[in-house]
Amino acid sequence: MPFIAILFMIFVFFFIITVFVNYFFIFKRNFKKTILVSIVMTIIAVISHYLPMVLYKYIF
């Protein structure tokens, strides 16, 4: 259960941050592109956060 809570917390927090950054600094109010880029960046952040733990668990 803590795994799900941490995953959800990372997803929500990083998604909100990337929406703000993309919306105000990069895409100049292009909201559809902002959401798509934020989702991709959030997925990459979640994968990069959990992939080392999973690899370490199964490799070593």
PDB file of N, CA and C in Angstrom:
ATOM      1  N   MET A   1       0.800  -1.214   0.000  1.00  0.00           N
ATOM      2  CA  MET A   1       0.000   0.000   0.000  1.00  0.00           C
ATOM      3  C   MET A   1       0.842   1.277   0.000  1.00  0.00           C
ATOM      4  N   PRO A   2       1.952   1.338   0.743  1.00  0.00           N
ATOM      5  CA  PRO A   2       2.777   2.554   0.664  1.00  0.00           C
ATOM      6  C   PRO A   2       3.313   2.794  -0.743  1.00  0.00           C
ATOM      7  N   PHE A   3       3.529   1.713  -1.484  1.00  0.00           N
ATOM      8  CA  PHE A   3       4.008   1.843  -2.863  1.00  0.00           C
ATOM      9  C   PHE A   3       3.004   2.630  -3.702  1.00  0.00           C
ATOM     10  N   ILE A   4       1.725   2.308  -3.565  1.00  0.00           N
ATOM     11  CA  ILE A   4       0.677   3.000  -4.325  1.00  0.00           C
ATOM     12  C   ILE A   4       0.573   4.458  -3.883  1.00  0.00           C
ATOM     13  N   ALA A   5       0.666   4.697  -2.580  1.00  0.00           N
ATOM     14  CA  ALA A   5       0.556   6.067  -2.072  1.00  0.00           C
ATOM     15  C   ALA A   5       1.709   6.931  -2.564  1.00  0.00           C
ATOM     16  N   ILE A   6       2.919   6.408  -2.527  1.00  0.00           N
ATOM     17  CA  ILE A   6       4.079   7.169  -3.001  1.00  0.00           C
ATOM     18  C   ILE A   6       3.981   7.396  -4.503  1.00  0.00           C
ATOM     19  N   LEU A   7       3.568   6.391  -5.239  1.00  0.00           N
ATOM     20  CA  LEU A   7       3.417   6.534  -6.686  1.00  0.00           C
ATOM     21  C   LEU A   7       2.384   7.610  -7.015  1.00  0.00           C
ATOM     22  N   PHE A   8       1.263   7.596  -6.325  1.00  0.00           N
ATOM     23  CA  PHE A   8       0.222   8.598  -6.557  1.00  0.00           C
ATOM     24  C   PHE A   8       0.710   9.996  -6.185  1.00  0.00           C
ATOM     25  N   MET A   9       1.420  10.099  -5.070  1.00  0.00           N
ATOM     26  CA  MET A   9       1.929  11.390  -4.627  1.00  0.00           C
ATOM     27  C   MET A   9       2.924  11.965  -5.633  1.00  0.00           C
ATOM     28  N   ILE A  10       3.828  11.139  -6.128  1.00  0.00           N
ATOM     29  CA  ILE A  10       4.796  11.595  -7.124  1.00  0.00           C
ATOM     30  C   ILE A  10       4.076  12.016  -8.391  1.00  0.00           C
ATOM     31  N   PHE A  11       3.115  11.218  -8.827  1.00  0.00           N
ATOM     32  CA  PHE A  11       2.393  11.535 -10.059  1.00  0.00           C
ATOM     33  C   PHE A  11       1.674  12.874  -9.947  1.00  0.00           C
ATOM     34  N   VAL A  12       0.921  13.062  -8.875  1.00  0.00           N
ATOM     35  CA  VAL A  12       0.142  14.297  -8.715  1.00  0.00           C
ATOM     36  C   VAL A  12       1.058  15.502  -8.565  1.00  0.00           C
ATOM     37  N   PHE A  13       2.063  15.402  -7.707  1.00  0.00           N
ATOM     38  CA  PHE A  13       2.955  16.532  -7.449  1.00  0.00           C
ATOM     39  C   PHE A  13       3.726  16.920  -8.706  1.00  0.00           C
ATOM     40  N   PHE A  14       4.315  15.953  -9.376  1.00  0.00           N
ATOM     41  CA  PHE A  14       5.109  16.263 -10.561  1.00  0.00           C
ATOM     42  C   PHE A  14       4.228  16.744 -11.702  1.00  0.00           C
ATOM     43  N   PHE A  15       3.027  16.191 -11.829  1.00  0.00           N
ATOM     44  CA  PHE A  15       2.116  16.639 -12.881  1.00  0.00           C
ATOM     45  C   PHE A  15       1.728  18.101 -12.680  1.00  0.00           C
ATOM     46  N   ILE A  16       1.414  18.482 -11.456  1.00  0.00           N
ATOM     47  CA  ILE A  16       1.042  19.874 -11.188  1.00  0.00           C
ATOM     48  C   ILE A  16       2.208  20.809 -11.480  1.00  0.00           C
ATOM     49  N   ILE A  17       3.399  20.433 -11.061  1.00  0.00           N
ATOM     50  CA  ILE A  17       4.570  21.282 -11.321  1.00  0.00           C
ATOM     51  C   ILE A  17       4.814  21.423 -12.818  1.00  0.00           C
ATOM     52  N   THR A  18       4.757  20.331 -13.559  1.00  0.00           N
ATOM     53  CA  THR A  18       5.026  20.423 -14.994  1.00  0.00           C
ATOM     54  C   THR A  18       3.939  21.189 -15.731  1.00  0.00           C
ATOM     55  N   VAL A  19       2.689  21.099 -15.273  1.00  0.00           N
ATOM     56  CA  VAL A  19       1.631  21.894 -15.900  1.00  0.00           C
ATOM     57  C   VAL A  19       1.922  23.377 -15.717  1.00  0.00           C
ATOM     58  N   PHE A  20       2.280  23.778 -14.514  1.00  0.00           N
ATOM     59  CA  PHE A  20       2.582  25.192 -14.284  1.00  0.00           C
ATOM     60  C   PHE A  20       3.772  25.655 -15.110  1.00  0.00           C
ATOM     61  N   VAL A  21       4.830  24.873 -15.122  1.00  0.00           N
ATOM     62  CA  VAL A  21       6.032  25.275 -15.861  1.00  0.00           C
ATOM     63  C   VAL A  21       5.745  25.346 -17.353  1.00  0.00           C
ATOM     64  N   ASN A  22       5.102  24.327 -17.892  1.00  0.00           N
ATOM     65  CA  ASN A  22       4.812  24.332 -19.329  1.00  0.00           C
ATOM     66  C   ASN A  22       3.839  25.431 -19.712  1.00  0.00           C
ATOM     67  N   TYR A  23       2.844  25.648 -18.881  1.00  0.00           N
ATOM     68  CA  TYR A  23       1.800  26.617 -19.226  1.00  0.00           C
ATOM     69  C   TYR A  23       2.332  28.052 -19.188  1.00  0.00           C
ATOM     70  N   PHE A  24       3.107  28.381 -18.182  1.00  0.00           N
ATOM     71  CA  PHE A  24       3.515  29.772 -18.006  1.00  0.00           C
ATOM     72  C   PHE A  24       4.832  30.116 -18.688  1.00  0.00           C
ATOM     73  N   PHE A  25       5.717  29.145 -18.899  1.00  0.00           N
ATOM     74  CA  PHE A  25       7.045  29.483 -19.393  1.00  0.00           C
ATOM     75  C   PHE A  25       7.368  28.938 -20.778  1.00  0.00           C
ATOM     76  N   ILE A  26       6.714  27.865 -21.204  1.00  0.00           N
ATOM     77  CA  ILE A  26       7.146  27.215 -22.442  1.00  0.00           C
ATOM     78  C   ILE A  26       6.135  27.387 -23.562  1.00  0.00           C
ATOM     79  N   PHE A  27       4.895  26.977 -23.362  1.00  0.00           N
ATOM     80  CA  PHE A  27       3.960  26.871 -24.481  1.00  0.00           C
ATOM     81  C   PHE A  27       3.010  28.052 -24.627  1.00  0.00           C
ATOM     82  N   LYS A  28       3.126  29.058 -23.795  1.00  0.00           N
ATOM     83  CA  LYS A  28       2.371  30.305 -23.961  1.00  0.00           C
ATOM     84  C   LYS A  28       0.882  30.063 -24.162  1.00  0.00           C
ATOM     85  N   ARG A  29       0.284  29.394 -23.207  1.00  0.00           N
ATOM     86  CA  ARG A  29      -1.172  29.194 -23.143  1.00  0.00           C
ATOM     87  C   ARG A  29      -1.722  28.189 -24.165  1.00  0.00           C
ATOM     88  N   ASN A  30      -0.885  27.299 -24.669  1.00  0.00           N
ATOM     89  CA  ASN A  30      -1.383  26.213 -25.518  1.00  0.00           C
ATOM     90  C   ASN A  30      -1.682  25.031 -24.594  1.00  0.00           C
ATOM     91  N   PHE A  31      -2.929  24.945 -24.131  1.00  0.00           N
ATOM     92  CA  PHE A  31      -3.248  24.044 -23.023  1.00  0.00           C
ATOM     93  C   PHE A  31      -3.206  22.571 -23.419  1.00  0.00           C
ATOM     94  N   LYS A  32      -3.594  22.226 -24.641  1.00  0.00           N
ATOM     95  CA  LYS A  32      -3.574  20.820 -25.059  1.00  0.00           C
ATOM     96  C   LYS A  32      -2.145  20.287 -25.087  1.00  0.00           C
ATOM     97  N   LYS A  33      -1.240  21.050 -25.651  1.00  0.00           N
ATOM     98  CA  LYS A  33       0.162  20.632 -25.686  1.00  0.00           C
ATOM     99  C   LYS A  33       0.754  20.606 -24.276  1.00  0.00           C
ATOM    100  N   THR A  34       0.321  21.528 -23.439  1.00  0.00           N
ATOM    101  CA  THR A  34       0.797  21.561 -22.053  1.00  0.00           C
ATOM    102  C   THR A  34       0.429  20.278 -21.323  1.00  0.00           C
ATOM    103  N   ILE A  35      -0.809  19.827 -21.466  1.00  0.00           N
ATOM    104  CA  ILE A  35      -1.248  18.605 -20.784  1.00  0.00           C
ATOM    105  C   ILE A  35      -0.494  17.392 -21.313  1.00  0.00           C
ATOM    106  N   LEU A  36      -0.331  17.285 -22.627  1.00  0.00           N
ATOM    107  CA  LEU A  36       0.364  16.130 -23.202  1.00  0.00           C
ATOM    108  C   LEU A  36       1.815  16.063 -22.739  1.00  0.00           C
ATOM    109  N   VAL A  37       2.506  17.185 -22.782  1.00  0.00           N
ATOM    110  CA  VAL A  37       3.907  17.201 -22.351  1.00  0.00           C
ATOM    111  C   VAL A  37       4.009  16.925 -20.856  1.00  0.00           C
ATOM    112  N   SER A  38       3.084  17.424 -20.084  1.00  0.00           N
ATOM    113  CA  SER A  38       3.105  17.179 -18.642  1.00  0.00           C
ATOM    114  C   SER A  38       2.884  15.707 -18.322  1.00  0.00           C
ATOM    115  N   ILE A  39       1.998  15.052 -19.048  1.00  0.00           N
ATOM    116  CA  ILE A  39       1.776  13.618 -18.833  1.00  0.00           C
ATOM    117  C   ILE A  39       3.027  12.823 -19.185  1.00  0.00           C
ATOM    118  N   VAL A  40       3.658  13.152 -20.300  1.00  0.00           N
ATOM    119  CA  VAL A  40       4.880  12.438 -20.698  1.00  0.00           C
ATOM    120  C   VAL A  40       5.990  12.660 -19.672  1.00  0.00           C
ATOM    121  N   MET A  41       6.172  13.896 -19.231  1.00  0.00           N
ATOM    122  CA  MET A  41       7.211  14.182 -18.239  1.00  0.00           C
ATOM    123  C   MET A  41       6.925  13.490 -16.912  1.00  0.00           C
ATOM    124  N   THR A  42       5.663  13.401 -16.535  1.00  0.00           N
ATOM    125  CA  THR A  42       5.304  12.742 -15.287  1.00  0.00           C
ATOM    126  C   THR A  42       5.557  11.245 -15.367  1.00  0.00           C
ATOM    127  N   ILE A  43       5.224  10.628 -16.484  1.00  0.00           N
ATOM    128  CA  ILE A  43       5.484   9.194 -16.660  1.00  0.00           C
ATOM    129  C   ILE A  43       6.982   8.922 -16.611  1.00  0.00           C
ATOM    130  N   ILE A  44       7.770   9.764 -17.255  1.00  0.00           N
ATOM    131  CA  ILE A  44       9.223   9.602 -17.216  1.00  0.00           C
ATOM    132  C   ILE A  44       9.744   9.756 -15.789  1.00  0.00           C
ATOM    133  N   ALA A  45       9.203  10.711 -15.039  1.00  0.00           N
ATOM    134  CA  ALA A  45       9.640  10.910 -13.654  1.00  0.00           C
ATOM    135  C   ALA A  45       9.301   9.706 -12.780  1.00  0.00           C
ATOM    136  N   VAL A  46       8.102   9.157 -12.949  1.00  0.00           N
ATOM    137  CA  VAL A  46       7.704   7.996 -12.147  1.00  0.00           C
ATOM    138  C   VAL A  46       8.566   6.788 -12.499  1.00  0.00           C
ATOM    139  N   ILE A  47       8.799   6.570 -13.784  1.00  0.00           N
ATOM    140  CA  ILE A  47       9.642   5.444 -14.205  1.00  0.00           C
ATOM    141  C   ILE A  47      11.062   5.613 -13.686  1.00  0.00           C
ATOM    142  N   SER A  48      11.605   6.813 -13.791  1.00  0.00           N
ATOM    143  CA  SER A  48      12.976   7.021 -13.334  1.00  0.00           C
ATOM    144  C   SER A  48      13.083   6.935 -11.816  1.00  0.00           C
ATOM    145  N   HIS A  49      11.978   7.128 -11.119  1.00  0.00           N
ATOM    146  CA  HIS A  49      12.009   7.004  -9.667  1.00  0.00           C
ATOM    147  C   HIS A  49      11.948   5.545  -9.219  1.00  0.00           C
ATOM    148  N   TYR A  50      11.149   4.736  -9.897  1.00  0.00           N
ATOM    149  CA  TYR A  50      10.940   3.359  -9.457  1.00  0.00           C
ATOM    150  C   TYR A  50      11.788   2.324 -10.185  1.00  0.00           C
ATOM    151  N   LEU A  51      12.281   2.630 -11.353  1.00  0.00           N
ATOM    152  CA  LEU A  51      13.066   1.650 -12.101  1.00  0.00           C
ATOM    153  C   LEU A  51      14.332   1.213 -11.361  1.00  0.00           C
ATOM    154  N   PRO A  52      15.109   2.119 -10.761  1.00  0.00           N
ATOM    155  CA  PRO A  52      16.283   1.640 -10.016  1.00  0.00           C
ATOM    156  C   PRO A  52      15.926   0.716  -8.860  1.00  0.00           C
ATOM    157  N   MET A  53      14.814   0.982  -8.162  1.00  0.00           N
ATOM    158  CA  MET A  53      14.420   0.109  -7.052  1.00  0.00           C
ATOM    159  C   MET A  53      14.040  -1.272  -7.564  1.00  0.00           C
ATOM    160  N   VAL A  54      13.310  -1.329  -8.656  1.00  0.00           N
ATOM    161  CA  VAL A  54      12.888  -2.617  -9.210  1.00  0.00           C
ATOM    162  C   VAL A  54      14.090  -3.381  -9.740  1.00  0.00           C
ATOM    163  N   LEU A  55      14.963  -2.699 -10.460  1.00  0.00           N
ATOM    164  CA  LEU A  55      16.148  -3.369 -10.992  1.00  0.00           C
ATOM    165  C   LEU A  55      17.047  -3.871  -9.869  1.00  0.00           C
ATOM    166  N   TYR A  56      17.230  -3.071  -8.838  1.00  0.00           N
ATOM    167  CA  TYR A  56      18.068  -3.489  -7.718  1.00  0.00           C
ATOM    168  C   TYR A  56      17.471  -4.696  -7.008  1.00  0.00           C
ATOM    169  N   LYS A  57      16.147  -4.725  -6.913  1.00  0.00           N
ATOM    170  CA  LYS A  57      15.477  -5.833  -6.235  1.00  0.00           C
ATOM    171  C   LYS A  57      15.657  -7.143  -6.996  1.00  0.00           C
ATOM    172  N   TYR A  58      15.558  -7.106  -8.325  1.00  0.00           N
ATOM    173  CA  TYR A  58      15.601  -8.346  -9.098  1.00  0.00           C
ATOM    174  C   TYR A  58      16.997  -8.727  -9.573  1.00  0.00           C
ATOM    175  N   ILE A  59      17.899  -7.767  -9.690  1.00  0.00           N
ATOM    176  CA  ILE A  59      19.244  -8.102 -10.166  1.00  0.00           C
ATOM    177  C   ILE A  59      20.127  -8.576  -9.025  1.00  0.00           C
ATOM    178  N   PHE A  60      20.038  -7.905  -7.875  1.00  0.00           N
ATOM    179  CA  PHE A  60      20.939  -8.262  -6.768  1.00  0.00           C
ATOM    180  C   PHE A  60      20.176  -9.094  -5.769  1.00  0.00           C
TER     181      PHE A  60
END
